[in-house]
C-alpha atoms as a PDB file:
ATOM      1  CA  MET A   1     -34.133 -22.286  21.729  1.00  0.00           C
ATOM      2  CA  THR A   2     -32.468 -25.478  22.887  1.00  0.00           C
ATOM      3  CA  LEU A   3     -28.917 -25.924  24.058  1.00  0.00           C
ATOM      4  CA  GLY A   4     -28.180 -27.964  20.923  1.00  0.00           C
ATOM      5  CA  THR A   5     -29.356 -25.128  18.691  1.00  0.00           C
ATOM      6  CA  LEU A   6     -27.183 -22.650  20.586  1.00  0.00           C
ATOM      7  CA  PHE A   7     -24.201 -24.963  20.232  1.00  0.00           C
ATOM      8  CA  TRP A   8     -24.622 -25.226  16.448  1.00  0.00           C
ATOM      9  CA  LEU A   9     -25.110 -21.471  16.130  1.00  0.00           C
ATOM     10  CA  PHE A  10     -21.871 -20.967  18.049  1.00  0.00           C
ATOM     11  CA  VAL A  11     -20.032 -23.476  15.815  1.00  0.00           C
ATOM     12  CA  ALA A  12     -21.351 -21.788  12.664  1.00  0.00           C
ATOM     13  CA  GLY A  13     -20.443 -18.330  14.011  1.00  0.00           C
ATOM     14  CA  PHE A  14     -16.947 -19.488  14.913  1.00  0.00           C
ATOM     15  CA  ALA A  15     -16.459 -21.021  11.452  1.00  0.00           C
ATOM     16  CA  VAL A  16     -17.510 -17.779   9.756  1.00  0.00           C
ATOM     17  CA  TRP A  17     -15.275 -15.733  12.055  1.00  0.00           C
ATOM     18  CA  TYR A  18     -12.286 -18.043  11.425  1.00  0.00           C
ATOM     19  CA  TRP A  19     -12.779 -17.921   7.640  1.00  0.00           C
ATOM     20  CA  TRP A  20     -13.038 -14.115   7.693  1.00  0.00           C
ATOM     21  CA  ARG A  21      -9.913 -13.792   9.864  1.00  0.00           C
ATOM     22  CA  ALA A  22      -7.903 -16.259   7.755  1.00  0.00           C
ATOM     23  CA  LYS A  23      -8.837 -14.351   4.593  1.00  0.00           C
ATOM     24  CA  ALA A  24      -7.694 -11.054   6.136  1.00  0.00           C
ATOM     25  CA  ILE A  25      -4.350 -12.591   7.120  1.00  0.00           C
ATOM     26  CA  LYS A  26      -3.880 -14.117   3.672  1.00  0.00           C
ATOM     27  CA  ASP A  27      -4.578 -10.734   2.028  1.00  0.00           C
ATOM     28  CA  PHE A  28      -2.036  -9.096   4.359  1.00  0.00           C
ATOM     29  CA  VAL A  29       0.598 -11.707   3.457  1.00  0.00           C
ATOM     30  CA  LEU A  30      -0.142 -11.337  -0.262  1.00  0.00           C
ATOM     31  CA  GLN A  31       0.481  -7.576  -0.054  1.00  0.00           C
ATOM     32  CA  ALA A  32       3.740  -8.236   1.814  1.00  0.00           C
ATOM     33  CA  ALA A  33       4.800 -10.765  -0.859  1.00  0.00           C
ATOM     34  CA  ARG A  34       4.091  -8.225  -3.612  1.00  0.00           C
ATOM     35  CA  ARG A  35       6.187  -5.562  -1.887  1.00  0.00           C
ATOM     36  CA  TYR A  36       8.998  -8.008  -1.151  1.00  0.00           C
ATOM     37  CA  CYS A  37       9.131  -9.302  -4.744  1.00  0.00           C
ATOM     38  CA  LYS A  38       9.186  -5.746  -6.060  1.00  0.00           C
ATOM     39  CA  SER A  39      12.032  -4.802  -3.699  1.00  0.00           C
ATOM     40  CA  MET A  40      14.002  -7.902  -4.751  1.00  0.00           C
ATOM     41  CA  ASP A  41      13.390  -7.164  -8.466  1.00  0.00           C
ATOM     42  CA  VAL A  42      11.503 -10.398  -9.171  1.00  0.00           C
ATOM     43  CA  MET A  43       7.939 -11.002 -10.333  1.00  0.00           C
ATOM     44  CA  LEU A  44       5.292 -12.611  -8.139  1.00  0.00           C
ATOM     45  CA  LEU A  45       3.528 -15.339 -10.122  1.00  0.00           C
ATOM     46  CA  ASP A  46      -0.180 -16.203  -9.955  1.00  0.00           C
ATOM     47  CA  ASP A  47      -0.764 -13.262  -7.574  1.00  0.00           C
ATOM     48  CA  ALA A  48      -1.315 -15.764  -4.756  1.00  0.00           C
ATOM     49  CA  VAL A  49       0.130 -17.084  -1.506  1.00  0.00           C
ATOM     50  CA  PHE A  50      -0.562 -20.556  -0.125  1.00  0.00           C
ATOM     51  CA  LEU A  51      -0.765 -21.591   3.525  1.00  0.00           C
ATOM     52  CA  ARG A  52       1.540 -24.582   3.962  1.00  0.00           C
ATOM     53  CA  GLY A  53       1.985 -24.763   7.719  1.00  0.00           C
ATOM     54  CA  LEU A  54      -0.017 -23.921  10.823  1.00  0.00           C
ATOM     55  CA  TRP A  55       1.165 -24.482  14.368  1.00  0.00           C
ATOM     56  CA  PHE A  56       1.334 -22.915  17.824  1.00  0.00           C
ATOM     57  CA  LYS A  57       4.606 -21.417  19.057  1.00  0.00           C
ATOM     58  CA  ARG A  58       5.702 -18.990  21.738  1.00  0.00           C
ATOM     59  CA  ASP A  59       6.722 -15.443  20.907  1.00  0.00           C
ATOM     60  CA  ASP A  60       9.571 -13.475  22.531  1.00  0.00           C
ATOM     61  CA  GLN A  61       7.389 -12.688  25.563  1.00  0.00           C
ATOM     62  CA  GLY A  62       6.498 -16.353  26.037  1.00  0.00           C
ATOM     63  CA  ARG A  63       2.894 -16.045  24.852  1.00  0.00           C
ATOM     64  CA  ILE A  64       1.472 -18.756  22.634  1.00  0.00           C
ATOM     65  CA  ARG A  65       0.784 -17.479  19.113  1.00  0.00           C
ATOM     66  CA  VAL A  66      -0.313 -19.024  15.836  1.00  0.00           C
ATOM     67  CA  TRP A  67       2.676 -19.775  13.585  1.00  0.00           C
ATOM     68  CA  ARG A  68       1.969 -19.796   9.842  1.00  0.00           C
ATOM     69  CA  ARG A  69       4.133 -20.614   6.837  1.00  0.00           C
ATOM     70  CA  PHE A  70       3.046 -19.266   3.464  1.00  0.00           C
ATOM     71  CA  LEU A  71       4.604 -20.119   0.099  1.00  0.00           C
ATOM     72  CA  PHE A  72       4.448 -18.177  -3.140  1.00  0.00           C
ATOM     73  CA  ASP A  73       5.926 -18.572  -6.616  1.00  0.00           C
ATOM     74  CA  PHE A  74       8.116 -16.016  -8.333  1.00  0.00           C
ATOM     75  CA  THR A  75      10.348 -15.678 -11.364  1.00  0.00           C
ATOM     76  CA  SER A  76      13.405 -13.598 -12.075  1.00  0.00           C
ATOM     77  CA  THR A  77      13.871 -14.450 -15.763  1.00  0.00           C
ATOM     78  CA  GLY A  78      10.314 -15.203 -16.855  1.00  0.00           C
ATOM     79  CA  GLU A  79      11.268 -18.783 -17.682  1.00  0.00           C
ATOM     80  CA  GLU A  80      11.785 -20.600 -14.381  1.00  0.00           C
ATOM     81  CA  ARG A  81       9.476 -20.770 -11.391  1.00  0.00           C
ATOM     82  CA  TYR A  82      10.930 -20.507  -7.883  1.00  0.00           C
ATOM     83  CA  THR A  83       9.424 -20.589  -4.397  1.00  0.00           C
ATOM     84  CA  GLY A  84       9.417 -17.874  -1.745  1.00  0.00           C
ATOM     85  CA  ARG A  85       8.499 -18.264   1.926  1.00  0.00           C
ATOM     86  CA  ILE A  86       6.874 -16.005   4.486  1.00  0.00           C
ATOM     87  CA  ILE A  87       6.751 -16.952   8.174  1.00  0.00           C
ATOM     88  CA  MET A  88       4.226 -15.284  10.475  1.00  0.00           C
ATOM     89  CA  LEU A  89       4.013 -15.509  14.250  1.00  0.00           C
ATOM     90  CA  GLY A  90       0.766 -14.071  15.507  1.00  0.00           C
ATOM     91  CA  GLN A  91       0.022 -10.924  13.513  1.00  0.00           C
ATOM     92  CA  ARG A  92       3.641 -10.207  12.548  1.00  0.00           C
ATOM     93  CA  ILE A  93       5.814 -11.360   9.710  1.00  0.00           C
ATOM     94  CA  GLN A  94       8.923 -12.932  11.209  1.00  0.00           C
ATOM     95  CA  HIS A  95      10.821 -13.932   8.076  1.00  0.00           C
ATOM     96  CA  MET A  96      10.686 -13.616   4.292  1.00  0.00           C
ATOM     97  CA  GLU A  97      13.007 -15.375   1.873  1.00  0.00           C
ATOM     98  CA  LEU A  98      13.387 -16.298  -1.754  1.00  0.00           C
ATOM     99  CA  GLU A  99      14.740 -19.600  -2.999  1.00  0.00           C
ATOM    100  CA  PRO A 100      18.146 -19.251  -4.742  1.00  0.00           C
ATOM    101  CA  HIS A 101      17.451 -18.211  -8.320  1.00  0.00           C
ATOM    102  CA  ARG A 102      19.039 -16.934 -11.506  1.00  0.00           C
ATOM    103  CA  PHE A 103      19.209 -13.222 -12.093  1.00  0.00           C
ATOM    104  CA  SER A 104      17.919 -11.829 -15.354  1.00  0.00           C
END
């Protein structure tokens, strides 16, 4: 096995690991969005969350963590579509919010 082959195996392994980890995080955020929408008496639309921001930031202990912003759509009346946001820092949800919306 050459060094070049080892390098490409490492790159492929890292890509698979990153995809698997990103999917697990997205599933975790989707479950949190479902619970949050239910607690706020609104309906999650499309049963999906979308990654809209990825960055590195420091946590409260000063360690560098991955910062992620997810968006999701919801409705309160069944007619209009609104946007909700979930902010994650590392493995923890830091903030969840719903856009101002009409109540049914």
